[in-house]
Amino acid sequence: MIKHMIIWKIKDDCESKELVKENVKRELEALKGKIEGLLEMHIITDALPSSAGDLMMDSLFESEEALKAYQKHSLHQHVANTFVRPNMCQRLSLDYEI
């Protein structure tokens, strides 16, 4: 199994960071059950003030191949291009096998 984690920093010029967080959480978590190999999807939006990022994705995939398929999947691309990428100024990711 593969853990895929991402930390994002929301652009400072976004009208509502809370709305961005809500939308990203709703849309990414809704992908569970729609994309084969995606086992878990959790978006953490309540970061402590000491955090360097604004929100985090914690996801679990059956395999590295499933992660690669997810990244190219049209449903994921729609969410990423509509709700995530336009609102973020920074992205860090970490993938590891468990």
PDB file of N, CA and C in Angstrom:
ATOM      1  N   MET A   1       0.843  -1.174   0.000  1.00  0.00           N
ATOM      2  CA  MET A   1       0.000   0.000   0.000  1.00  0.00           C
ATOM      3  C   MET A   1       0.892   1.243   0.000  1.00  0.00           C
ATOM      4  N   ILE A   2       0.358   2.306  -0.556  1.00  0.00           N
ATOM      5  CA  ILE A   2       1.094   3.559  -0.698  1.00  0.00           C
ATOM      6  C   ILE A   2       0.344   4.691  -0.010  1.00  0.00           C
ATOM      7  N   LYS A   3       1.054   5.404   0.861  1.00  0.00           N
ATOM      8  CA  LYS A   3       0.532   6.643   1.445  1.00  0.00           C
ATOM      9  C   LYS A   3       0.950   7.780   0.527  1.00  0.00           C
ATOM     10  N   HIS A   4       0.012   8.656   0.233  1.00  0.00           N
ATOM     11  CA  HIS A   4       0.261   9.835  -0.611  1.00  0.00           C
ATOM     12  C   HIS A   4      -0.232  11.028   0.190  1.00  0.00           C
ATOM     13  N   MET A   5       0.709  11.887   0.576  1.00  0.00           N
ATOM     14  CA  MET A   5       0.365  13.033   1.407  1.00  0.00           C
ATOM     15  C   MET A   5       0.806  14.312   0.712  1.00  0.00           C
ATOM     16  N   ILE A   6      -0.036  15.329   0.805  1.00  0.00           N
ATOM     17  CA  ILE A   6       0.258  16.630   0.209  1.00  0.00           C
ATOM     18  C   ILE A   6      -0.076  17.718   1.222  1.00  0.00           C
ATOM     19  N   ILE A   7       0.788  18.723   1.289  1.00  0.00           N
ATOM     20  CA  ILE A   7       0.514  19.928   2.076  1.00  0.00           C
ATOM     21  C   ILE A   7       0.468  21.095   1.100  1.00  0.00           C
ATOM     22  N   TRP A   8      -0.601  21.880   1.190  1.00  0.00           N
ATOM     23  CA  TRP A   8      -0.775  23.050   0.321  1.00  0.00           C
ATOM     24  C   TRP A   8      -0.765  24.331   1.134  1.00  0.00           C
ATOM     25  N   LYS A   9      -0.316  25.374   0.499  1.00  0.00           N
ATOM     26  CA  LYS A   9      -0.427  26.741   1.011  1.00  0.00           C
ATOM     27  C   LYS A   9      -1.363  27.479   0.067  1.00  0.00           C
ATOM     28  N   ILE A  10      -2.420  28.063   0.600  1.00  0.00           N
ATOM     29  CA  ILE A  10      -3.404  28.782  -0.210  1.00  0.00           C
ATOM     30  C   ILE A  10      -2.856  30.164  -0.557  1.00  0.00           C
ATOM     31  N   LYS A  11      -3.127  30.604  -1.770  1.00  0.00           N
ATOM     32  CA  LYS A  11      -2.692  31.936  -2.215  1.00  0.00           C
ATOM     33  C   LYS A  11      -3.243  33.000  -1.285  1.00  0.00           C
ATOM     34  N   ASP A  12      -2.434  34.013  -1.013  1.00  0.00           N
ATOM     35  CA  ASP A  12      -2.853  35.095  -0.123  1.00  0.00           C
ATOM     36  C   ASP A  12      -4.010  35.914  -0.687  1.00  0.00           C
ATOM     37  N   ASP A  13      -4.125  35.982  -2.016  1.00  0.00           N
ATOM     38  CA  ASP A  13      -5.166  36.821  -2.618  1.00  0.00           C
ATOM     39  C   ASP A  13      -6.508  36.113  -2.794  1.00  0.00           C
ATOM     40  N   CYS A  14      -6.666  34.913  -2.245  1.00  0.00           N
ATOM     41  CA  CYS A  14      -7.973  34.236  -2.309  1.00  0.00           C
ATOM     42  C   CYS A  14      -8.982  35.010  -1.464  1.00  0.00           C
ATOM     43  N   GLU A  15     -10.181  35.152  -1.989  1.00  0.00           N
ATOM     44  CA  GLU A  15     -11.217  35.886  -1.257  1.00  0.00           C
ATOM     45  C   GLU A  15     -11.569  35.224   0.062  1.00  0.00           C
ATOM     46  N   SER A  16     -11.668  33.886   0.060  1.00  0.00           N
ATOM     47  CA  SER A  16     -12.043  33.170   1.276  1.00  0.00           C
ATOM     48  C   SER A  16     -11.256  31.868   1.373  1.00  0.00           C
ATOM     49  N   LYS A  17     -10.262  31.863   2.250  1.00  0.00           N
ATOM     50  CA  LYS A  17      -9.479  30.650   2.457  1.00  0.00           C
ATOM     51  C   LYS A  17     -10.351  29.535   3.027  1.00  0.00           C
ATOM     52  N   GLU A  18     -11.322  29.899   3.857  1.00  0.00           N
ATOM     53  CA  GLU A  18     -12.216  28.883   4.426  1.00  0.00           C
ATOM     54  C   GLU A  18     -13.053  28.217   3.347  1.00  0.00           C
ATOM     55  N   LEU A  19     -13.527  28.979   2.377  1.00  0.00           N
ATOM     56  CA  LEU A  19     -14.300  28.411   1.278  1.00  0.00           C
ATOM     57  C   LEU A  19     -13.419  27.495   0.428  1.00  0.00           C
ATOM     58  N   VAL A  20     -12.192  27.900   0.174  1.00  0.00           N
ATOM     59  CA  VAL A  20     -11.256  27.051  -0.574  1.00  0.00           C
ATOM     60  C   VAL A  20     -11.073  25.728   0.162  1.00  0.00           C
ATOM     61  N   LYS A  21     -10.836  25.782   1.458  1.00  0.00           N
ATOM     62  CA  LYS A  21     -10.656  24.568   2.259  1.00  0.00           C
ATOM     63  C   LYS A  21     -11.887  23.663   2.178  1.00  0.00           C
ATOM     64  N   GLU A  22     -13.065  24.248   2.332  1.00  0.00           N
ATOM     65  CA  GLU A  22     -14.310  23.472   2.275  1.00  0.00           C
ATOM     66  C   GLU A  22     -14.479  22.787   0.923  1.00  0.00           C
ATOM     67  N   ASN A  23     -14.235  23.520  -0.143  1.00  0.00           N
ATOM     68  CA  ASN A  23     -14.394  22.974  -1.490  1.00  0.00           C
ATOM     69  C   ASN A  23     -13.405  21.858  -1.776  1.00  0.00           C
ATOM     70  N   VAL A  24     -12.139  22.075  -1.415  1.00  0.00           N
ATOM     71  CA  VAL A  24     -11.116  21.059  -1.641  1.00  0.00           C
ATOM     72  C   VAL A  24     -11.456  19.799  -0.852  1.00  0.00           C
ATOM     73  N   LYS A  25     -11.821  19.961   0.396  1.00  0.00           N
ATOM     74  CA  LYS A  25     -12.179  18.813   1.247  1.00  0.00           C
ATOM     75  C   LYS A  25     -13.357  18.039   0.642  1.00  0.00           C
ATOM     76  N   ARG A  26     -14.413  18.735   0.322  1.00  0.00           N
ATOM     77  CA  ARG A  26     -15.616  18.088  -0.213  1.00  0.00           C
ATOM     78  C   ARG A  26     -15.308  17.334  -1.502  1.00  0.00           C
ATOM     79  N   GLU A  27     -14.628  18.007  -2.427  1.00  0.00           N
ATOM     80  CA  GLU A  27     -14.407  17.433  -3.751  1.00  0.00           C
ATOM     81  C   GLU A  27     -13.401  16.280  -3.747  1.00  0.00           C
ATOM     82  N   LEU A  28     -12.312  16.417  -3.006  1.00  0.00           N
ATOM     83  CA  LEU A  28     -11.326  15.330  -2.978  1.00  0.00           C
ATOM     84  C   LEU A  28     -11.847  14.126  -2.206  1.00  0.00           C
ATOM     85  N   GLU A  29     -12.492  14.349  -1.076  1.00  0.00           N
ATOM     86  CA  GLU A  29     -13.015  13.218  -0.300  1.00  0.00           C
ATOM     87  C   GLU A  29     -14.118  12.484  -1.057  1.00  0.00           C
ATOM     88  N   ALA A  30     -14.813  13.166  -1.950  1.00  0.00           N
ATOM     89  CA  ALA A  30     -15.867  12.529  -2.752  1.00  0.00           C
ATOM     90  C   ALA A  30     -15.299  11.570  -3.798  1.00  0.00           C
ATOM     91  N   LEU A  31     -14.013  11.620  -4.058  1.00  0.00           N
ATOM     92  CA  LEU A  31     -13.403  10.719  -5.043  1.00  0.00           C
ATOM     93  C   LEU A  31     -13.290   9.287  -4.535  1.00  0.00           C
ATOM     94  N   LYS A  32     -13.294   9.115  -3.218  1.00  0.00           N
ATOM     95  CA  LYS A  32     -13.227   7.760  -2.662  1.00  0.00           C
ATOM     96  C   LYS A  32     -14.441   6.967  -3.145  1.00  0.00           C
ATOM     97  N   GLY A  33     -14.181   5.776  -3.655  1.00  0.00           N
ATOM     98  CA  GLY A  33     -15.247   4.930  -4.183  1.00  0.00           C
ATOM     99  C   GLY A  33     -15.518   5.157  -5.658  1.00  0.00           C
ATOM    100  N   LYS A  34     -14.922   6.198  -6.228  1.00  0.00           N
ATOM    101  CA  LYS A  34     -15.119   6.501  -7.641  1.00  0.00           C
ATOM    102  C   LYS A  34     -13.880   6.190  -8.483  1.00  0.00           C
ATOM    103  N   ILE A  35     -12.737   6.043  -7.822  1.00  0.00           N
ATOM    104  CA  ILE A  35     -11.493   5.772  -8.531  1.00  0.00           C
ATOM    105  C   ILE A  35     -10.898   4.488  -7.958  1.00  0.00           C
ATOM    106  N   GLU A  36     -10.731   3.507  -8.814  1.00  0.00           N
ATOM    107  CA  GLU A  36     -10.216   2.210  -8.390  1.00  0.00           C
ATOM    108  C   GLU A  36      -8.823   2.358  -7.774  1.00  0.00           C
ATOM    109  N   GLY A  37      -8.626   1.690  -6.664  1.00  0.00           N
ATOM    110  CA  GLY A  37      -7.330   1.693  -5.999  1.00  0.00           C
ATOM    111  C   GLY A  37      -7.169   2.770  -4.943  1.00  0.00           C
ATOM    112  N   LEU A  38      -8.079   3.743  -4.910  1.00  0.00           N
ATOM    113  CA  LEU A  38      -8.073   4.779  -3.870  1.00  0.00           C
ATOM    114  C   LEU A  38      -8.816   4.220  -2.657  1.00  0.00           C
ATOM    115  N   LEU A  39      -8.086   3.942  -1.581  1.00  0.00           N
ATOM    116  CA  LEU A  39      -8.679   3.298  -0.409  1.00  0.00           C
ATOM    117  C   LEU A  39      -9.146   4.284   0.650  1.00  0.00           C
ATOM    118  N   GLU A  40      -8.390   5.349   0.846  1.00  0.00           N
ATOM    119  CA  GLU A  40      -8.739   6.357   1.852  1.00  0.00           C
ATOM    120  C   GLU A  40      -8.386   7.738   1.329  1.00  0.00           C
ATOM    121  N   MET A  41      -9.188   8.726   1.740  1.00  0.00           N
ATOM    122  CA  MET A  41      -8.932  10.117   1.365  1.00  0.00           C
ATOM    123  C   MET A  41      -9.411  11.001   2.507  1.00  0.00           C
ATOM    124  N   HIS A  42      -8.464  11.677   3.147  1.00  0.00           N
ATOM    125  CA  HIS A  42      -8.792  12.571   4.256  1.00  0.00           C
ATOM    126  C   HIS A  42      -8.121  13.914   3.994  1.00  0.00           C
ATOM    127  N   ILE A  43      -8.911  14.987   4.075  1.00  0.00           N
ATOM    128  CA  ILE A  43      -8.382  16.337   3.926  1.00  0.00           C
ATOM    129  C   ILE A  43      -8.472  17.016   5.287  1.00  0.00           C
ATOM    130  N   ILE A  44      -7.317  17.446   5.782  1.00  0.00           N
ATOM    131  CA  ILE A  44      -7.245  18.098   7.085  1.00  0.00           C
ATOM    132  C   ILE A  44      -7.229  19.610   6.843  1.00  0.00           C
ATOM    133  N   THR A  45      -8.234  20.296   7.397  1.00  0.00           N
ATOM    134  CA  THR A  45      -8.388  21.733   7.146  1.00  0.00           C
ATOM    135  C   THR A  45      -8.181  22.585   8.400  1.00  0.00           C
ATOM    136  N   ASP A  46      -8.031  21.947   9.540  1.00  0.00           N
ATOM    137  CA  ASP A  46      -7.960  22.705  10.797  1.00  0.00           C
ATOM    138  C   ASP A  46      -6.536  22.713  11.355  1.00  0.00           C
ATOM    139  N   ALA A  47      -5.613  23.210  10.556  1.00  0.00           N
ATOM    140  CA  ALA A  47      -4.205  23.284  10.967  1.00  0.00           C
ATOM    141  C   ALA A  47      -4.022  24.262  12.119  1.00  0.00           C
ATOM    142  N   LEU A  48      -3.100  23.946  12.975  1.00  0.00           N
ATOM    143  CA  LEU A  48      -2.756  24.858  14.071  1.00  0.00           C
ATOM    144  C   LEU A  48      -2.022  26.075  13.508  1.00  0.00           C
ATOM    145  N   PRO A  49      -2.070  27.203  14.199  1.00  0.00           N
ATOM    146  CA  PRO A  49      -1.378  28.411  13.729  1.00  0.00           C
ATOM    147  C   PRO A  49       0.128  28.218  13.524  1.00  0.00           C
ATOM    148  N   SER A  50       0.721  27.246  14.190  1.00  0.00           N
ATOM    149  CA  SER A  50       2.154  26.973  14.056  1.00  0.00           C
ATOM    150  C   SER A  50       2.506  26.246  12.757  1.00  0.00           C
ATOM    151  N   SER A  51       1.496  25.861  11.977  1.00  0.00           N
ATOM    152  CA  SER A  51       1.720  25.102  10.745  1.00  0.00           C
ATOM    153  C   SER A  51       2.213  25.989   9.614  1.00  0.00           C
ATOM    154  N   ALA A  52       3.032  25.409   8.743  1.00  0.00           N
ATOM    155  CA  ALA A  52       3.536  26.130   7.569  1.00  0.00           C
ATOM    156  C   ALA A  52       2.544  26.060   6.410  1.00  0.00           C
ATOM    157  N   GLY A  53       1.676  25.056   6.406  1.00  0.00           N
ATOM    158  CA  GLY A  53       0.681  24.899   5.346  1.00  0.00           C
ATOM    159  C   GLY A  53      -0.712  25.194   5.846  1.00  0.00           C
ATOM    160  N   ASP A  54      -1.645  25.276   4.890  1.00  0.00           N
ATOM    161  CA  ASP A  54      -3.044  25.582   5.225  1.00  0.00           C
ATOM    162  C   ASP A  54      -3.944  24.349   5.266  1.00  0.00           C
ATOM    163  N   LEU A  55      -3.647  23.350   4.451  1.00  0.00           N
ATOM    164  CA  LEU A  55      -4.423  22.123   4.460  1.00  0.00           C
ATOM    165  C   LEU A  55      -3.569  20.976   3.969  1.00  0.00           C
ATOM    166  N   MET A  56      -4.001  19.751   4.311  1.00  0.00           N
ATOM    167  CA  MET A  56      -3.230  18.568   3.988  1.00  0.00           C
ATOM    168  C   MET A  56      -4.128  17.453   3.488  1.00  0.00           C
ATOM    169  N   MET A  57      -3.636  16.732   2.506  1.00  0.00           N
ATOM    170  CA  MET A  57      -4.305  15.529   2.019  1.00  0.00           C
ATOM    171  C   MET A  57      -3.539  14.326   2.541  1.00  0.00           C
ATOM    172  N   ASP A  58      -4.262  13.388   3.137  1.00  0.00           N
ATOM    173  CA  ASP A  58      -3.700  12.131   3.618  1.00  0.00           C
ATOM    174  C   ASP A  58      -4.495  11.035   2.925  1.00  0.00           C
ATOM    175  N   SER A  59      -3.862  10.345   1.973  1.00  0.00           N
ATOM    176  CA  SER A  59      -4.582   9.342   1.193  1.00  0.00           C
ATOM    177  C   SER A  59      -3.822   8.027   1.165  1.00  0.00           C
ATOM    178  N   LEU A  60      -4.551   6.957   0.872  1.00  0.00           N
ATOM    179  CA  LEU A  60      -3.987   5.620   0.837  1.00  0.00           C
ATOM    180  C   LEU A  60      -4.427   4.931  -0.448  1.00  0.00           C
ATOM    181  N   PHE A  61      -3.459   4.310  -1.121  1.00  0.00           N
ATOM    182  CA  PHE A  61      -3.698   3.621  -2.386  1.00  0.00           C
ATOM    183  C   PHE A  61      -3.255   2.169  -2.294  1.00  0.00           C
ATOM    184  N   GLU A  62      -3.896   1.323  -3.088  1.00  0.00           N
ATOM    185  CA  GLU A  62      -3.566  -0.101  -3.104  1.00  0.00           C
ATOM    186  C   GLU A  62      -2.118  -0.336  -3.510  1.00  0.00           C
ATOM    187  N   SER A  63      -1.619   0.474  -4.444  1.00  0.00           N
ATOM    188  CA  SER A  63      -0.289   0.250  -5.000  1.00  0.00           C
ATOM    189  C   SER A  63       0.225   1.538  -5.634  1.00  0.00           C
ATOM    190  N   GLU A  64       1.496   1.526  -6.006  1.00  0.00           N
ATOM    191  CA  GLU A  64       2.062   2.672  -6.703  1.00  0.00           C
ATOM    192  C   GLU A  64       1.387   2.862  -8.059  1.00  0.00           C
ATOM    193  N   GLU A  65       1.018   1.754  -8.701  1.00  0.00           N
ATOM    194  CA  GLU A  65       0.312   1.829  -9.975  1.00  0.00           C
ATOM    195  C   GLU A  65      -1.057   2.486  -9.808  1.00  0.00           C
ATOM    196  N   ALA A  66      -1.734   2.183  -8.700  1.00  0.00           N
ATOM    197  CA  ALA A  66      -3.039   2.800  -8.425  1.00  0.00           C
ATOM    198  C   ALA A  66      -2.881   4.306  -8.209  1.00  0.00           C
ATOM    199  N   LEU A  67      -1.818   4.713  -7.525  1.00  0.00           N
ATOM    200  CA  LEU A  67      -1.554   6.144  -7.325  1.00  0.00           C
ATOM    201  C   LEU A  67      -1.319   6.833  -8.665  1.00  0.00           C
ATOM    202  N   LYS A  68      -0.525   6.226  -9.521  1.00  0.00           N
ATOM    203  CA  LYS A  68      -0.250   6.807 -10.836  1.00  0.00           C
ATOM    204  C   LYS A  68      -1.526   6.918 -11.668  1.00  0.00           C
ATOM    205  N   ALA A  69      -2.385   5.902 -11.585  1.00  0.00           N
ATOM    206  CA  ALA A  69      -3.651   5.942 -12.321  1.00  0.00           C
ATOM    207  C   ALA A  69      -4.564   7.038 -11.778  1.00  0.00           C
ATOM    208  N   TYR A  70      -4.600   7.205 -10.466  1.00  0.00           N
ATOM    209  CA  TYR A  70      -5.388   8.255  -9.824  1.00  0.00           C
ATOM    210  C   TYR A  70      -4.948   9.631 -10.314  1.00  0.00           C
ATOM    211  N   GLN A  71      -3.640   9.834 -10.364  1.00  0.00           N
ATOM    212  CA  GLN A  71      -3.115  11.140 -10.755  1.00  0.00           C
ATOM    213  C   GLN A  71      -3.525  11.528 -12.166  1.00  0.00           C
ATOM    214  N   LYS A  72      -3.728  10.562 -13.034  1.00  0.00           N
ATOM    215  CA  LYS A  72      -4.122  10.821 -14.426  1.00  0.00           C
ATOM    216  C   LYS A  72      -5.633  10.744 -14.630  1.00  0.00           C
ATOM    217  N   HIS A  73      -6.357  10.227 -13.667  1.00  0.00           N
ATOM    218  CA  HIS A  73      -7.796   9.985 -13.806  1.00  0.00           C
ATOM    219  C   HIS A  73      -8.545  11.300 -14.051  1.00  0.00           C
ATOM    220  N   SER A  74      -9.516  11.264 -14.940  1.00  0.00           N
ATOM    221  CA  SER A  74     -10.252  12.478 -15.312  1.00  0.00           C
ATOM    222  C   SER A  74     -11.000  13.104 -14.125  1.00  0.00           C
ATOM    223  N   LEU A  75     -11.542  12.302 -13.227  1.00  0.00           N
ATOM    224  CA  LEU A  75     -12.242  12.863 -12.063  1.00  0.00           C
ATOM    225  C   LEU A  75     -11.263  13.616 -11.157  1.00  0.00           C
ATOM    226  N   HIS A  76     -10.092  13.049 -10.929  1.00  0.00           N
ATOM    227  CA  HIS A  76      -9.081  13.733 -10.128  1.00  0.00           C
ATOM    228  C   HIS A  76      -8.601  14.995 -10.830  1.00  0.00           C
ATOM    229  N   GLN A  77      -8.356  14.909 -12.130  1.00  0.00           N
ATOM    230  CA  GLN A  77      -7.886  16.070 -12.881  1.00  0.00           C
ATOM    231  C   GLN A  77      -8.898  17.215 -12.817  1.00  0.00           C
ATOM    232  N   HIS A  78     -10.181  16.881 -12.892  1.00  0.00           N
ATOM    233  CA  HIS A  78     -11.222  17.912 -12.800  1.00  0.00           C
ATOM    234  C   HIS A  78     -11.152  18.629 -11.449  1.00  0.00           C
ATOM    235  N   VAL A  79     -11.071  17.862 -10.367  1.00  0.00           N
ATOM    236  CA  VAL A  79     -11.000  18.472  -9.032  1.00  0.00           C
ATOM    237  C   VAL A  79      -9.730  19.303  -8.893  1.00  0.00           C
ATOM    238  N   ALA A  80      -8.606  18.744  -9.327  1.00  0.00           N
ATOM    239  CA  ALA A  80      -7.324  19.448  -9.209  1.00  0.00           C
ATOM    240  C   ALA A  80      -7.331  20.753 -10.001  1.00  0.00           C
ATOM    241  N   ASN A  81      -7.847  20.714 -11.213  1.00  0.00           N
ATOM    242  CA  ASN A  81      -7.833  21.898 -12.083  1.00  0.00           C
ATOM    243  C   ASN A  81      -8.890  22.937 -11.719  1.00  0.00           C
ATOM    244  N   THR A  82      -9.956  22.512 -11.055  1.00  0.00           N
ATOM    245  CA  THR A  82     -11.060  23.411 -10.718  1.00  0.00           C
ATOM    246  C   THR A  82     -10.941  23.985  -9.311  1.00  0.00           C
ATOM    247  N   PHE A  83     -10.589  23.146  -8.343  1.00  0.00           N
ATOM    248  CA  PHE A  83     -10.642  23.552  -6.942  1.00  0.00           C
ATOM    249  C   PHE A  83      -9.272  23.699  -6.270  1.00  0.00           C
ATOM    250  N   VAL A  84      -8.280  22.958  -6.750  1.00  0.00           N
ATOM    251  CA  VAL A  84      -6.989  22.947  -6.060  1.00  0.00           C
ATOM    252  C   VAL A  84      -5.991  23.906  -6.715  1.00  0.00           C
ATOM    253  N   ARG A  85      -5.519  23.580  -7.886  1.00  0.00           N
ATOM    254  CA  ARG A  85      -4.431  24.343  -8.513  1.00  0.00           C
ATOM    255  C   ARG A  85      -4.674  25.847  -8.628  1.00  0.00           C
ATOM    256  N   PRO A  86      -5.868  26.298  -8.975  1.00  0.00           N
ATOM    257  CA  PRO A  86      -6.070  27.752  -9.101  1.00  0.00           C
ATOM    258  C   PRO A  86      -5.928  28.517  -7.781  1.00  0.00           C
ATOM    259  N   ASN A  87      -6.024  27.799  -6.661  1.00  0.00           N
ATOM    260  CA  ASN A  87      -6.047  28.461  -5.354  1.00  0.00           C
ATOM    261  C   ASN A  87      -4.790  28.271  -4.516  1.00  0.00           C
ATOM    262  N   MET A  88      -3.825  27.523  -5.022  1.00  0.00           N
ATOM    263  CA  MET A  88      -2.645  27.204  -4.222  1.00  0.00           C
ATOM    264  C   MET A  88      -1.397  27.885  -4.768  1.00  0.00           C
ATOM    265  N   CYS A  89      -0.524  28.276  -3.856  1.00  0.00           N
ATOM    266  CA  CYS A  89       0.754  28.867  -4.264  1.00  0.00           C
ATOM    267  C   CYS A  89       1.917  27.947  -3.955  1.00  0.00           C
ATOM    268  N   GLN A  90       1.661  26.920  -3.152  1.00  0.00           N
ATOM    269  CA  GLN A  90       2.731  26.000  -2.806  1.00  0.00           C
ATOM    270  C   GLN A  90       2.162  24.612  -2.558  1.00  0.00           C
ATOM    271  N   ARG A  91       2.938  23.587  -2.981  1.00  0.00           N
ATOM    272  CA  ARG A  91       2.530  22.189  -2.818  1.00  0.00           C
ATOM    273  C   ARG A  91       3.761  21.358  -2.516  1.00  0.00           C
ATOM    274  N   LEU A  92       3.688  20.589  -1.456  1.00  0.00           N
ATOM    275  CA  LEU A  92       4.726  19.620  -1.123  1.00  0.00           C
ATOM    276  C   LEU A  92       4.071  18.263  -0.996  1.00  0.00           C
ATOM    277  N   SER A  93       4.711  17.233  -1.530  1.00  0.00           N
ATOM    278  CA  SER A  93       4.134  15.900  -1.437  1.00  0.00           C
ATOM    279  C   SER A  93       5.158  14.921  -0.903  1.00  0.00           C
ATOM    280  N   LEU A  94       4.634  13.833  -0.343  1.00  0.00           N
ATOM    281  CA  LEU A  94       5.466  12.740   0.138  1.00  0.00           C
ATOM    282  C   LEU A  94       4.687  11.449  -0.083  1.00  0.00           C
ATOM    283  N   ASP A  95       5.310  10.520  -0.769  1.00  0.00           N
ATOM    284  CA  ASP A  95       4.722   9.198  -1.003  1.00  0.00           C
ATOM    285  C   ASP A  95       5.634   8.173  -0.359  1.00  0.00           C
ATOM    286  N   TYR A  96       5.030   7.165   0.293  1.00  0.00           N
ATOM    287  CA  TYR A  96       5.836   6.106   0.896  1.00  0.00           C
ATOM    288  C   TYR A  96       5.017   4.825   0.983  1.00  0.00           C
ATOM    289  N   GLU A  97       5.740   3.724   1.025  1.00  0.00           N
ATOM    290  CA  GLU A  97       5.108   2.416   1.083  1.00  0.00           C
ATOM    291  C   GLU A  97       4.894   2.019   2.534  1.00  0.00           C
ATOM    292  N   ILE A  98       3.724   1.420   2.796  1.00  0.00           N
ATOM    293  CA  ILE A  98       3.449   0.907   4.145  1.00  0.00           C
ATOM    294  C   ILE A  98       3.154  -0.575   4.067  1.00  0.00           C
TER     295      ILE A  98
END
